[in-house]
């Protein structure tokens, strides 16, 4: 996932669907709405990614099997869509999005949000 895909985009929504995947309650996911992504920083092993926004940082631990998937058209996930549930989905104001996915139904990807 290239940084260029997300840099400069404004967050429309961020939903975490994995039970126990969200490790922080404050700031809330709703606090991310309207924040602009500045950078996407992957650690050396690419298992941890920081989504750096103007006002927040979202630390994502992809565990062993997690992946990021760019979405050319994104909306909130729904079972009616017939697609597997992502662990988390971020949608952007331009109609695109970013999925945090893993192959198993056991959701191991974790998210932690903090203010910058």
PDB file of N, CA and C in Angstrom:
ATOM      1  N   UNK A   1       0.859  -1.177   0.000  1.00  0.00           N
ATOM      2  CA  UNK A   1       0.000   0.000   0.000  1.00  0.00           C
ATOM      3  C   UNK A   1       0.891   1.221   0.000  1.00  0.00           C
ATOM      4  N   UNK A   2       0.786   1.995  -1.025  1.00  0.00           N
ATOM      5  CA  UNK A   2       1.615   3.190  -1.147  1.00  0.00           C
ATOM      6  C   UNK A   2       1.071   4.323  -0.289  1.00  0.00           C
ATOM      7  N   UNK A   3       1.978   5.056   0.281  1.00  0.00           N
ATOM      8  CA  UNK A   3       1.577   6.208   1.075  1.00  0.00           C
ATOM      9  C   UNK A   3       0.762   7.188   0.246  1.00  0.00           C
ATOM     10  N   UNK A   4       1.100   7.241  -1.042  1.00  0.00           N
ATOM     11  CA  UNK A   4       0.430   8.178  -1.935  1.00  0.00           C
ATOM     12  C   UNK A   4      -1.074   7.912  -2.009  1.00  0.00           C
ATOM     13  N   UNK A   5      -1.487   6.667  -1.766  1.00  0.00           N
ATOM     14  CA  UNK A   5      -2.913   6.323  -1.843  1.00  0.00           C
ATOM     15  C   UNK A   5      -3.713   7.046  -0.758  1.00  0.00           C
ATOM     16  N   UNK A   6      -3.150   7.230   0.428  1.00  0.00           N
ATOM     17  CA  UNK A   6      -3.905   7.807   1.538  1.00  0.00           C
ATOM     18  C   UNK A   6      -3.476   9.216   1.922  1.00  0.00           C
ATOM     19  N   UNK A   7      -2.264   9.606   1.607  1.00  0.00           N
ATOM     20  CA  UNK A   7      -1.768  10.919   2.021  1.00  0.00           C
ATOM     21  C   UNK A   7      -2.643  12.027   1.443  1.00  0.00           C
ATOM     22  N   UNK A   8      -3.054  12.929   2.313  1.00  0.00           N
ATOM     23  CA  UNK A   8      -3.871  14.063   1.904  1.00  0.00           C
ATOM     24  C   UNK A   8      -5.374  13.814   1.974  1.00  0.00           C
ATOM     25  N   UNK A   9      -5.790  12.574   2.165  1.00  0.00           N
ATOM     26  CA  UNK A   9      -7.224  12.269   2.198  1.00  0.00           C
ATOM     27  C   UNK A   9      -7.810  12.604   3.563  1.00  0.00           C
ATOM     28  N   UNK A  10      -9.080  13.002   3.552  1.00  0.00           N
ATOM     29  CA  UNK A  10      -9.787  13.299   4.796  1.00  0.00           C
ATOM     30  C   UNK A  10     -10.689  12.131   5.160  1.00  0.00           C
ATOM     31  N   UNK A  11     -10.670  11.780   6.428  1.00  0.00           N
ATOM     32  CA  UNK A  11     -11.442  10.643   6.921  1.00  0.00           C
ATOM     33  C   UNK A  11     -12.924  11.018   7.015  1.00  0.00           C
ATOM     34  N   UNK A  12     -13.753  10.196   6.382  1.00  0.00           N
ATOM     35  CA  UNK A  12     -15.198  10.367   6.475  1.00  0.00           C
ATOM     36  C   UNK A  12     -15.744   9.516   7.623  1.00  0.00           C
ATOM     37  N   UNK A  13     -15.225   8.287   7.755  1.00  0.00           N
ATOM     38  CA  UNK A  13     -15.606   7.430   8.873  1.00  0.00           C
ATOM     39  C   UNK A  13     -14.538   6.362   9.083  1.00  0.00           C
ATOM     40  N   UNK A  14     -14.504   5.844  10.289  1.00  0.00           N
ATOM     41  CA  UNK A  14     -13.625   4.718  10.603  1.00  0.00           C
ATOM     42  C   UNK A  14     -14.405   3.814  11.538  1.00  0.00           C
ATOM     43  N   UNK A  15     -14.616   2.591  11.101  1.00  0.00           N
ATOM     44  CA  UNK A  15     -15.363   1.617  11.890  1.00  0.00           C
ATOM     45  C   UNK A  15     -14.489   0.401  12.143  1.00  0.00           C
ATOM     46  N   UNK A  16     -14.527  -0.086  13.369  1.00  0.00           N
ATOM     47  CA  UNK A  16     -13.814  -1.301  13.749  1.00  0.00           C
ATOM     48  C   UNK A  16     -14.874  -2.370  13.993  1.00  0.00           C
ATOM     49  N   UNK A  17     -14.811  -3.450  13.212  1.00  0.00           N
ATOM     50  CA  UNK A  17     -15.809  -4.515  13.288  1.00  0.00           C
ATOM     51  C   UNK A  17     -15.344  -5.705  14.123  1.00  0.00           C
ATOM     52  N   UNK A  18     -14.051  -5.821  14.351  1.00  0.00           N
ATOM     53  CA  UNK A  18     -13.529  -6.934  15.132  1.00  0.00           C
ATOM     54  C   UNK A  18     -13.793  -6.736  16.614  1.00  0.00           C
ATOM     55  N   UNK A  19     -14.363  -7.749  17.247  1.00  0.00           N
ATOM     56  CA  UNK A  19     -14.614  -7.691  18.678  1.00  0.00           C
ATOM     57  C   UNK A  19     -13.268  -7.589  19.401  1.00  0.00           C
ATOM     58  N   UNK A  20     -13.154  -6.677  20.318  1.00  0.00           N
ATOM     59  CA  UNK A  20     -11.930  -6.447  21.101  1.00  0.00           C
ATOM     60  C   UNK A  20     -10.753  -5.941  20.269  1.00  0.00           C
ATOM     61  N   UNK A  21     -10.984  -5.484  19.041  1.00  0.00           N
ATOM     62  CA  UNK A  21      -9.884  -4.991  18.204  1.00  0.00           C
ATOM     63  C   UNK A  21      -9.511  -3.553  18.524  1.00  0.00           C
ATOM     64  N   UNK A  22     -10.458  -2.765  18.995  1.00  0.00           N
ATOM     65  CA  UNK A  22     -10.176  -1.385  19.351  1.00  0.00           C
ATOM     66  C   UNK A  22      -9.646  -1.358  20.778  1.00  0.00           C
ATOM     67  N   UNK A  23      -8.417  -0.909  20.943  1.00  0.00           N
ATOM     68  CA  UNK A  23      -7.755  -0.958  22.247  1.00  0.00           C
ATOM     69  C   UNK A  23      -7.814   0.356  23.020  1.00  0.00           C
ATOM     70  N   UNK A  24      -8.381   1.405  22.419  1.00  0.00           N
ATOM     71  CA  UNK A  24      -8.506   2.688  23.108  1.00  0.00           C
ATOM     72  C   UNK A  24      -9.939   3.200  22.954  1.00  0.00           C
ATOM     73  N   UNK A  25     -10.413   3.941  23.919  1.00  0.00           N
ATOM     74  CA  UNK A  25     -11.749   4.525  23.849  1.00  0.00           C
ATOM     75  C   UNK A  25     -11.712   6.039  23.675  1.00  0.00           C
ATOM     76  N   UNK A  26     -10.618   6.645  24.081  1.00  0.00           N
ATOM     77  CA  UNK A  26     -10.477   8.090  23.940  1.00  0.00           C
ATOM     78  C   UNK A  26      -9.103   8.379  23.356  1.00  0.00           C
ATOM     79  N   UNK A  27      -9.041   9.140  22.300  1.00  0.00           N
ATOM     80  CA  UNK A  27     -10.145   9.742  21.575  1.00  0.00           C
ATOM     81  C   UNK A  27     -10.988   8.692  20.862  1.00  0.00           C
ATOM     82  N   UNK A  28     -12.234   9.048  20.581  1.00  0.00           N
ATOM     83  CA  UNK A  28     -13.149   8.098  19.950  1.00  0.00           C
ATOM     84  C   UNK A  28     -12.914   8.053  18.435  1.00  0.00           C
ATOM     85  N   UNK A  29     -13.444   7.029  17.801  1.00  0.00           N
ATOM     86  CA  UNK A  29     -13.333   6.928  16.345  1.00  0.00           C
ATOM     87  C   UNK A  29     -14.049   8.092  15.665  1.00  0.00           C
ATOM     88  N   UNK A  30     -15.105   8.591  16.264  1.00  0.00           N
ATOM     89  CA  UNK A  30     -15.814   9.743  15.696  1.00  0.00           C
ATOM     90  C   UNK A  30     -14.944  10.998  15.699  1.00  0.00           C
ATOM     91  N   UNK A  31     -13.971  11.075  16.611  1.00  0.00           N
ATOM     92  CA  UNK A  31     -13.060  12.221  16.645  1.00  0.00           C
ATOM     93  C   UNK A  31     -12.166  12.273  15.410  1.00  0.00           C
ATOM     94  N   UNK A  32     -12.057  11.153  14.696  1.00  0.00           N
ATOM     95  CA  UNK A  32     -11.212  11.105  13.504  1.00  0.00           C
ATOM     96  C   UNK A  32     -11.878  11.722  12.271  1.00  0.00           C
ATOM     97  N   UNK A  33     -13.204  11.865  12.309  1.00  0.00           N
ATOM     98  CA  UNK A  33     -13.936  12.393  11.157  1.00  0.00           C
ATOM     99  C   UNK A  33     -13.430  13.790  10.805  1.00  0.00           C
ATOM    100  N   UNK A  34     -13.066  13.969   9.535  1.00  0.00           N
ATOM    101  CA  UNK A  34     -12.556  15.243   9.050  1.00  0.00           C
ATOM    102  C   UNK A  34     -11.055  15.416   9.190  1.00  0.00           C
ATOM    103  N   UNK A  35     -10.400  14.539   9.950  1.00  0.00           N
ATOM    104  CA  UNK A  35      -8.942  14.633  10.099  1.00  0.00           C
ATOM    105  C   UNK A  35      -8.284  14.213   8.794  1.00  0.00           C
ATOM    106  N   UNK A  36      -7.206  14.857   8.457  1.00  0.00           N
ATOM    107  CA  UNK A  36      -6.501  14.594   7.197  1.00  0.00           C
ATOM    108  C   UNK A  36      -5.282  13.721   7.444  1.00  0.00           C
ATOM    109  N   UNK A  37      -5.129  12.709   6.593  1.00  0.00           N
ATOM    110  CA  UNK A  37      -3.980  11.804   6.718  1.00  0.00           C
ATOM    111  C   UNK A  37      -2.743  12.484   6.151  1.00  0.00           C
ATOM    112  N   UNK A  38      -1.693  12.467   6.931  1.00  0.00           N
ATOM    113  CA  UNK A  38      -0.423  13.081   6.545  1.00  0.00           C
ATOM    114  C   UNK A  38       0.536  12.031   6.005  1.00  0.00           C
ATOM    115  N   UNK A  39       0.547  10.835   6.611  1.00  0.00           N
ATOM    116  CA  UNK A  39       1.525   9.817   6.226  1.00  0.00           C
ATOM    117  C   UNK A  39       1.046   8.436   6.665  1.00  0.00           C
ATOM    118  N   UNK A  40       1.639   7.427   6.068  1.00  0.00           N
ATOM    119  CA  UNK A  40       1.427   6.035   6.436  1.00  0.00           C
ATOM    120  C   UNK A  40       2.817   5.469   6.674  1.00  0.00           C
ATOM    121  N   UNK A  41       3.098   5.081   7.909  1.00  0.00           N
ATOM    122  CA  UNK A  41       4.448   4.652   8.274  1.00  0.00           C
ATOM    123  C   UNK A  41       4.413   3.189   8.696  1.00  0.00           C
ATOM    124  N   UNK A  42       5.130   2.346   7.959  1.00  0.00           N
ATOM    125  CA  UNK A  42       5.210   0.917   8.292  1.00  0.00           C
ATOM    126  C   UNK A  42       6.515   0.654   9.025  1.00  0.00           C
ATOM    127  N   UNK A  43       6.444  -0.185  10.047  1.00  0.00           N
ATOM    128  CA  UNK A  43       7.649  -0.609  10.746  1.00  0.00           C
ATOM    129  C   UNK A  43       8.434  -1.555   9.846  1.00  0.00           C
ATOM    130  N   UNK A  44       9.663  -1.855  10.206  1.00  0.00           N
ATOM    131  CA  UNK A  44      10.535  -2.689   9.378  1.00  0.00           C
ATOM    132  C   UNK A  44       9.922  -4.037   9.011  1.00  0.00           C
ATOM    133  N   UNK A  45       9.205  -4.654   9.943  1.00  0.00           N
ATOM    134  CA  UNK A  45       8.637  -5.973   9.665  1.00  0.00           C
ATOM    135  C   UNK A  45       7.271  -5.885   8.979  1.00  0.00           C
ATOM    136  N   UNK A  46       6.782  -4.666   8.734  1.00  0.00           N
ATOM    137  CA  UNK A  46       5.504  -4.400   8.074  1.00  0.00           C
ATOM    138  C   UNK A  46       4.324  -5.023   8.822  1.00  0.00           C
ATOM    139  N   UNK A  47       4.487  -5.342  10.067  1.00  0.00           N
ATOM    140  CA  UNK A  47       3.393  -5.882  10.874  1.00  0.00           C
ATOM    141  C   UNK A  47       2.689  -4.784  11.652  1.00  0.00           C
ATOM    142  N   UNK A  48       3.320  -3.664  11.761  1.00  0.00           N
ATOM    143  CA  UNK A  48       2.727  -2.517  12.448  1.00  0.00           C
ATOM    144  C   UNK A  48       2.767  -1.325  11.507  1.00  0.00           C
ATOM    145  N   UNK A  49       1.627  -0.647  11.427  1.00  0.00           N
ATOM    146  CA  UNK A  49       1.504   0.516  10.556  1.00  0.00           C
ATOM    147  C   UNK A  49       0.901   1.647  11.373  1.00  0.00           C
ATOM    148  N   UNK A  50       1.476   2.816  11.241  1.00  0.00           N
ATOM    149  CA  UNK A  50       0.896   3.999  11.871  1.00  0.00           C
ATOM    150  C   UNK A  50       0.264   4.858  10.785  1.00  0.00           C
ATOM    151  N   UNK A  51      -1.023   5.144  10.952  1.00  0.00           N
ATOM    152  CA  UNK A  51      -1.715   6.079  10.074  1.00  0.00           C
ATOM    153  C   UNK A  51      -1.605   7.428  10.784  1.00  0.00           C
ATOM    154  N   UNK A  52      -0.755   8.296  10.241  1.00  0.00           N
ATOM    155  CA  UNK A  52      -0.475   9.580  10.878  1.00  0.00           C
ATOM    156  C   UNK A  52      -1.393  10.633  10.265  1.00  0.00           C
ATOM    157  N   UNK A  53      -2.221  11.216  11.120  1.00  0.00           N
ATOM    158  CA  UNK A  53      -3.142  12.260  10.684  1.00  0.00           C
ATOM    159  C   UNK A  53      -2.666  13.603  11.226  1.00  0.00           C
ATOM    160  N   UNK A  54      -3.349  14.649  10.807  1.00  0.00           N
ATOM    161  CA  UNK A  54      -2.984  15.983  11.262  1.00  0.00           C
ATOM    162  C   UNK A  54      -3.098  16.074  12.789  1.00  0.00           C
ATOM    163  N   UNK A  55      -4.179  15.500  13.353  1.00  0.00           N
ATOM    164  CA  UNK A  55      -4.416  15.638  14.790  1.00  0.00           C
ATOM    165  C   UNK A  55      -4.305  14.344  15.593  1.00  0.00           C
ATOM    166  N   UNK A  56      -4.212  13.187  14.907  1.00  0.00           N
ATOM    167  CA  UNK A  56      -4.213  11.885  15.578  1.00  0.00           C
ATOM    168  C   UNK A  56      -3.219  10.931  14.927  1.00  0.00           C
ATOM    169  N   UNK A  57      -2.926   9.861  15.644  1.00  0.00           N
ATOM    170  CA  UNK A  57      -2.158   8.738  15.090  1.00  0.00           C
ATOM    171  C   UNK A  57      -2.959   7.479  15.408  1.00  0.00           C
ATOM    172  N   UNK A  58      -3.127   6.641  14.374  1.00  0.00           N
ATOM    173  CA  UNK A  58      -3.797   5.359  14.558  1.00  0.00           C
ATOM    174  C   UNK A  58      -2.728   4.283  14.421  1.00  0.00           C
ATOM    175  N   UNK A  59      -2.417   3.623  15.524  1.00  0.00           N
ATOM    176  CA  UNK A  59      -1.429   2.546  15.511  1.00  0.00           C
ATOM    177  C   UNK A  59      -2.170   1.249  15.206  1.00  0.00           C
ATOM    178  N   UNK A  60      -1.758   0.577  14.133  1.00  0.00           N
ATOM    179  CA  UNK A  60      -2.413  -0.651  13.692  1.00  0.00           C
ATOM    180  C   UNK A  60      -1.414  -1.790  13.791  1.00  0.00           C
ATOM    181  N   UNK A  61      -1.766  -2.817  14.576  1.00  0.00           N
ATOM    182  CA  UNK A  61      -0.940  -4.010  14.660  1.00  0.00           C
ATOM    183  C   UNK A  61      -1.603  -5.063  13.779  1.00  0.00           C
ATOM    184  N   UNK A  62      -0.970  -5.389  12.662  1.00  0.00           N
ATOM    185  CA  UNK A  62      -1.527  -6.322  11.693  1.00  0.00           C
ATOM    186  C   UNK A  62      -1.313  -7.773  12.075  1.00  0.00           C
ATOM    187  N   UNK A  63      -0.651  -7.998  13.210  1.00  0.00           N
ATOM    188  CA  UNK A  63      -0.335  -9.373  13.627  1.00  0.00           C
ATOM    189  C   UNK A  63       0.436 -10.083  12.514  1.00  0.00           C
ATOM    190  N   UNK A  64       0.188 -11.340  12.284  1.00  0.00           N
ATOM    191  CA  UNK A  64       0.962 -12.081  11.280  1.00  0.00           C
ATOM    192  C   UNK A  64       0.316 -12.092   9.908  1.00  0.00           C
ATOM    193  N   UNK A  65      -0.991 -11.981   9.860  1.00  0.00           N
ATOM    194  CA  UNK A  65      -1.667 -12.211   8.585  1.00  0.00           C
ATOM    195  C   UNK A  65      -2.476 -11.028   8.072  1.00  0.00           C
ATOM    196  N   UNK A  66      -2.488  -9.924   8.797  1.00  0.00           N
ATOM    197  CA  UNK A  66      -3.290  -8.777   8.393  1.00  0.00           C
ATOM    198  C   UNK A  66      -2.760  -8.085   7.154  1.00  0.00           C
ATOM    199  N   UNK A  67      -3.675  -7.509   6.394  1.00  0.00           N
ATOM    200  CA  UNK A  67      -3.329  -6.807   5.146  1.00  0.00           C
ATOM    201  C   UNK A  67      -4.142  -5.522   5.053  1.00  0.00           C
ATOM    202  N   UNK A  68      -3.601  -4.579   4.321  1.00  0.00           N
ATOM    203  CA  UNK A  68      -4.326  -3.369   3.966  1.00  0.00           C
ATOM    204  C   UNK A  68      -4.833  -3.544   2.543  1.00  0.00           C
ATOM    205  N   UNK A  69      -6.056  -3.105   2.288  1.00  0.00           N
ATOM    206  CA  UNK A  69      -6.613  -3.200   0.943  1.00  0.00           C
ATOM    207  C   UNK A  69      -7.243  -1.871   0.567  1.00  0.00           C
ATOM    208  N   UNK A  70      -6.792  -1.294  -0.543  1.00  0.00           N
ATOM    209  CA  UNK A  70      -7.358  -0.044  -1.034  1.00  0.00           C
ATOM    210  C   UNK A  70      -8.714  -0.331  -1.671  1.00  0.00           C
ATOM    211  N   UNK A  71      -9.654   0.557  -1.417  1.00  0.00           N
ATOM    212  CA  UNK A  71     -10.995   0.426  -1.982  1.00  0.00           C
ATOM    213  C   UNK A  71     -11.262   1.624  -2.882  1.00  0.00           C
ATOM    214  N   UNK A  72     -11.552   1.368  -4.131  1.00  0.00           N
ATOM    215  CA  UNK A  72     -11.830   2.467  -5.067  1.00  0.00           C
ATOM    216  C   UNK A  72     -13.195   3.097  -4.811  1.00  0.00           C
ATOM    217  N   UNK A  73     -14.115   2.293  -4.296  1.00  0.00           N
ATOM    218  CA  UNK A  73     -15.424   2.787  -3.878  1.00  0.00           C
ATOM    219  C   UNK A  73     -15.710   2.193  -2.505  1.00  0.00           C
ATOM    220  N   UNK A  74     -15.999   3.045  -1.543  1.00  0.00           N
ATOM    221  CA  UNK A  74     -16.156   2.537  -0.175  1.00  0.00           C
ATOM    222  C   UNK A  74     -17.398   3.115   0.483  1.00  0.00           C
ATOM    223  N   UNK A  75     -18.025   2.276   1.256  1.00  0.00           N
ATOM    224  CA  UNK A  75     -19.142   2.661   2.121  1.00  0.00           C
ATOM    225  C   UNK A  75     -18.996   1.813   3.374  1.00  0.00           C
ATOM    226  N   UNK A  76     -19.808   2.079   4.363  1.00  0.00           N
ATOM    227  CA  UNK A  76     -19.765   1.252   5.568  1.00  0.00           C
ATOM    228  C   UNK A  76     -20.044  -0.189   5.180  1.00  0.00           C
ATOM    229  N   UNK A  77     -19.325  -1.140   5.794  1.00  0.00           N
ATOM    230  CA  UNK A  77     -19.522  -2.558   5.483  1.00  0.00           C
ATOM    231  C   UNK A  77     -20.895  -2.995   5.963  1.00  0.00           C
ATOM    232  N   UNK A  78     -21.504  -3.890   5.198  1.00  0.00           N
ATOM    233  CA  UNK A  78     -22.802  -4.456   5.552  1.00  0.00           C
ATOM    234  C   UNK A  78     -22.814  -5.924   5.161  1.00  0.00           C
ATOM    235  N   UNK A  79     -23.424  -6.789   5.954  1.00  0.00           N
ATOM    236  CA  UNK A  79     -23.505  -8.206   5.579  1.00  0.00           C
ATOM    237  C   UNK A  79     -24.234  -8.399   4.248  1.00  0.00           C
ATOM    238  N   UNK A  80     -25.113  -7.475   3.913  1.00  0.00           N
ATOM    239  CA  UNK A  80     -25.865  -7.577   2.654  1.00  0.00           C
ATOM    240  C   UNK A  80     -24.955  -7.447   1.433  1.00  0.00           C
ATOM    241  N   UNK A  81     -23.766  -6.881   1.614  1.00  0.00           N
ATOM    242  CA  UNK A  81     -22.836  -6.718   0.493  1.00  0.00           C
ATOM    243  C   UNK A  81     -22.301  -8.061   0.005  1.00  0.00           C
ATOM    244  N   UNK A  82     -22.367  -9.068   0.857  1.00  0.00           N
ATOM    245  CA  UNK A  82     -21.890 -10.393   0.470  1.00  0.00           C
ATOM    246  C   UNK A  82     -20.381 -10.538   0.473  1.00  0.00           C
ATOM    247  N   UNK A  83     -19.685  -9.609   1.081  1.00  0.00           N
ATOM    248  CA  UNK A  83     -18.226  -9.677   1.178  1.00  0.00           C
ATOM    249  C   UNK A  83     -17.842 -10.009   2.614  1.00  0.00           C
ATOM    250  N   UNK A  84     -16.669 -10.610   2.813  1.00  0.00           N
ATOM    251  CA  UNK A  84     -16.237 -10.916   4.183  1.00  0.00           C
ATOM    252  C   UNK A  84     -16.088  -9.630   5.013  1.00  0.00           C
ATOM    253  N   UNK A  85     -16.405  -9.730   6.279  1.00  0.00           N
ATOM    254  CA  UNK A  85     -16.295  -8.584   7.161  1.00  0.00           C
ATOM    255  C   UNK A  85     -14.824  -8.227   7.385  1.00  0.00           C
ATOM    256  N   UNK A  86     -14.454  -6.967   7.125  1.00  0.00           N
ATOM    257  CA  UNK A  86     -13.088  -6.555   7.455  1.00  0.00           C
ATOM    258  C   UNK A  86     -12.982  -6.362   8.966  1.00  0.00           C
ATOM    259  N   UNK A  87     -11.776  -6.349   9.484  1.00  0.00           N
ATOM    260  CA  UNK A  87     -11.603  -6.045  10.897  1.00  0.00           C
ATOM    261  C   UNK A  87     -11.874  -4.560  11.127  1.00  0.00           C
ATOM    262  N   UNK A  88     -11.479  -3.733  10.169  1.00  0.00           N
ATOM    263  CA  UNK A  88     -11.747  -2.303  10.234  1.00  0.00           C
ATOM    264  C   UNK A  88     -11.867  -1.725   8.841  1.00  0.00           C
ATOM    265  N   UNK A  89     -12.633  -0.652   8.710  1.00  0.00           N
ATOM    266  CA  UNK A  89     -12.762   0.028   7.414  1.00  0.00           C
ATOM    267  C   UNK A  89     -12.747   1.526   7.643  1.00  0.00           C
ATOM    268  N   UNK A  90     -11.887   2.199   6.864  1.00  0.00           N
ATOM    269  CA  UNK A  90     -11.798   3.650   6.881  1.00  0.00           C
ATOM    270  C   UNK A  90     -12.293   4.143   5.532  1.00  0.00           C
ATOM    271  N   UNK A  91     -13.255   5.073   5.552  1.00  0.00           N
ATOM    272  CA  UNK A  91     -13.712   5.655   4.297  1.00  0.00           C
ATOM    273  C   UNK A  91     -13.265   7.110   4.258  1.00  0.00           C
ATOM    274  N   UNK A  92     -13.045   7.580   3.038  1.00  0.00           N
ATOM    275  CA  UNK A  92     -12.550   8.938   2.846  1.00  0.00           C
ATOM    276  C   UNK A  92     -13.604   9.793   2.158  1.00  0.00           C
ATOM    277  N   UNK A  93     -13.475  11.099   2.299  1.00  0.00           N
ATOM    278  CA  UNK A  93     -14.445  12.029   1.731  1.00  0.00           C
ATOM    279  C   UNK A  93     -14.541  11.951   0.216  1.00  0.00           C
ATOM    280  N   UNK A  94     -13.504  11.439  -0.447  1.00  0.00           N
ATOM    281  CA  UNK A  94     -13.546  11.338  -1.912  1.00  0.00           C
ATOM    282  C   UNK A  94     -14.229  10.060  -2.400  1.00  0.00           C
ATOM    283  N   UNK A  95     -14.781   9.264  -1.475  1.00  0.00           N
ATOM    284  CA  UNK A  95     -15.510   8.049  -1.838  1.00  0.00           C
ATOM    285  C   UNK A  95     -14.668   6.782  -1.875  1.00  0.00           C
ATOM    286  N   UNK A  96     -13.358   6.908  -1.662  1.00  0.00           N
ATOM    287  CA  UNK A  96     -12.480   5.736  -1.616  1.00  0.00           C
ATOM    288  C   UNK A  96     -12.363   5.270  -0.169  1.00  0.00           C
ATOM    289  N   UNK A  97     -11.582   4.220   0.052  1.00  0.00           N
ATOM    290  CA  UNK A  97     -11.428   3.738   1.411  1.00  0.00           C
ATOM    291  C   UNK A  97     -10.248   2.822   1.592  1.00  0.00           C
ATOM    292  N   UNK A  98     -10.115   2.323   2.795  1.00  0.00           N
ATOM    293  CA  UNK A  98      -9.019   1.449   3.168  1.00  0.00           C
ATOM    294  C   UNK A  98      -9.574   0.387   4.110  1.00  0.00           C
ATOM    295  N   UNK A  99      -9.378  -0.885   3.745  1.00  0.00           N
ATOM    296  CA  UNK A  99      -9.797  -1.999   4.592  1.00  0.00           C
ATOM    297  C   UNK A  99      -8.593  -2.586   5.306  1.00  0.00           C
ATOM    298  N   UNK A 100      -8.823  -3.021   6.523  1.00  0.00           N
ATOM    299  CA  UNK A 100      -7.847  -3.766   7.309  1.00  0.00           C
ATOM    300  C   UNK A 100      -8.440  -5.168   7.395  1.00  0.00           C
ATOM    301  N   UNK A 101      -7.826  -6.120   6.691  1.00  0.00           N
ATOM    302  CA  UNK A 101      -8.400  -7.462   6.537  1.00  0.00           C
ATOM    303  C   UNK A 101      -7.445  -8.531   7.035  1.00  0.00           C
ATOM    304  N   UNK A 102      -8.042  -9.663   7.369  1.00  0.00           N
ATOM    305  CA  UNK A 102      -7.270 -10.854   7.712  1.00  0.00           C
ATOM    306  C   UNK A 102      -8.067 -12.074   7.278  1.00  0.00           C
ATOM    307  N   UNK A 103      -7.377 -13.157   6.957  1.00  0.00           N
ATOM    308  CA  UNK A 103      -8.066 -14.312   6.383  1.00  0.00           C
ATOM    309  C   UNK A 103      -8.954 -15.081   7.360  1.00  0.00           C
ATOM    310  N   UNK A 104      -8.642 -15.069   8.607  1.00  0.00           N
ATOM    311  CA  UNK A 104      -9.411 -15.864   9.577  1.00  0.00           C
ATOM    312  C   UNK A 104     -10.574 -15.052  10.130  1.00  0.00           C
ATOM    313  N   UNK A 105     -11.528 -15.744  10.693  1.00  0.00           N
ATOM    314  CA  UNK A 105     -12.648 -15.061  11.348  1.00  0.00           C
ATOM    315  C   UNK A 105     -12.244 -14.543  12.718  1.00  0.00           C
ATOM    316  N   UNK A 106     -11.181 -15.090  13.265  1.00  0.00           N
ATOM    317  CA  UNK A 106     -10.662 -14.599  14.532  1.00  0.00           C
ATOM    318  C   UNK A 106      -9.970 -13.273  14.258  1.00  0.00           C
ATOM    319  N   UNK A 107     -10.507 -12.202  14.769  1.00  0.00           N
ATOM    320  CA  UNK A 107      -9.973 -10.868  14.485  1.00  0.00           C
ATOM    321  C   UNK A 107      -8.817 -10.565  15.431  1.00  0.00           C
ATOM    322  N   UNK A 108      -7.605 -10.514  14.881  1.00  0.00           N
ATOM    323  CA  UNK A 108      -6.406 -10.278  15.692  1.00  0.00           C
ATOM    324  C   UNK A 108      -5.796  -8.909  15.466  1.00  0.00           C
ATOM    325  N   UNK A 109      -6.146  -8.257  14.350  1.00  0.00           N
ATOM    326  CA  UNK A 109      -5.646  -6.908  14.108  1.00  0.00           C
ATOM    327  C   UNK A 109      -6.158  -6.015  15.242  1.00  0.00           C
ATOM    328  N   UNK A 110      -5.285  -5.123  15.729  1.00  0.00           N
ATOM    329  CA  UNK A 110      -5.701  -4.188  16.784  1.00  0.00           C
ATOM    330  C   UNK A 110      -5.441  -2.751  16.352  1.00  0.00           C
ATOM    331  N   UNK A 111      -6.231  -1.847  16.921  1.00  0.00           N
ATOM    332  CA  UNK A 111      -6.143  -0.413  16.622  1.00  0.00           C
ATOM    333  C   UNK A 111      -6.052   0.356  17.924  1.00  0.00           C
ATOM    334  N   UNK A 112      -5.183   1.356  17.954  1.00  0.00           N
ATOM    335  CA  UNK A 112      -5.071   2.248  19.104  1.00  0.00           C
ATOM    336  C   UNK A 112      -4.975   3.678  18.571  1.00  0.00           C
ATOM    337  N   UNK A 113      -5.845   4.551  19.040  1.00  0.00           N
ATOM    338  CA  UNK A 113      -5.880   5.935  18.565  1.00  0.00           C
ATOM    339  C   UNK A 113      -5.356   6.842  19.666  1.00  0.00           C
ATOM    340  N   UNK A 114      -4.514   7.791  19.262  1.00  0.00           N
ATOM    341  CA  UNK A 114      -4.031   8.787  20.215  1.00  0.00           C
ATOM    342  C   UNK A 114      -3.944  10.143  19.530  1.00  0.00           C
ATOM    343  N   UNK A 115      -3.957  11.178  20.323  1.00  0.00           N
ATOM    344  CA  UNK A 115      -3.793  12.537  19.781  1.00  0.00           C
ATOM    345  C   UNK A 115      -2.316  12.795  19.535  1.00  0.00           C
ATOM    346  N   UNK A 116      -2.044  13.611  18.549  1.00  0.00           N
ATOM    347  CA  UNK A 116      -0.654  13.998  18.260  1.00  0.00           C
ATOM    348  C   UNK A 116      -0.234  15.139  19.144  1.00  0.00           C
TER     349      UNK A 116
END
